[in-house]
Each structure stands twice: as C-alpha cells, then as structure tokens.
C-alpha cells in the first residue's frame, strides 16, 4: 500500500537529501513513540491519550501528503468522542497500528529516491 506521495516529500525537501533524511528520521521517532503510547493507552483504556496521539499523527500525515493515514487518524479521534472503547474500536486501532508500522518501512524506502 502506498501511504506517502513521494512528490509531496520531494516538494517539501526541494531536492535537499539531508533535509529529507531528517524528516524521515523525525517521522520514524515520532511514529514509533506514538505507536507505543497508543498501545499502552488501549491496554489501560486511556481514551484521551489515544485521541491525543491520533491527532498529533494526523498533522504529520497531512504535512507529508499521507491522506489515507490522516483519514484513519480522524476516524480514531471520532471513535474516542464517546469515551468508551468498544471491541470494534480496539480492532480499528490495532489495524491502524499495523498500518503505522508499515508506513515506517515505506517512508524509509524513500531515503534513496
């Protein structure tokens, strides 16, 4: 699945490979941190934390042109409004975490492009 628009990232970086690597490094750090925090929040049913991290990631995805991931974040945020985690919500969040992990591999492949 293609999450990122490589031309959007190239546009942001203006052919500056060092800047591109820094963006990707920052993305990896923020995303890995958020994955762990979302996993812990699900286990502890800390709905506000889930919503916070989904919102934080949504901004990054919008910036990088990852529309499908941004949409998923929006859905996670919406599901947190009622302050309960249903089995369906947990499944959607766990599926989202898998997509986040996949996105890390994809964005790292853009380093050499």
Foldseek 3Di string as FASTA:
>chain_A
DDQFDLVLLCVVCVPPLVVLVVLLVVLVVLLVVLLVQLVVCVVVLVLVSVLVSLVVVLVSSVSRVRVVSNVLSVVLNVVSPVSGQDPVSVVSVVVSSVVSVVVSVVSVVSSVD
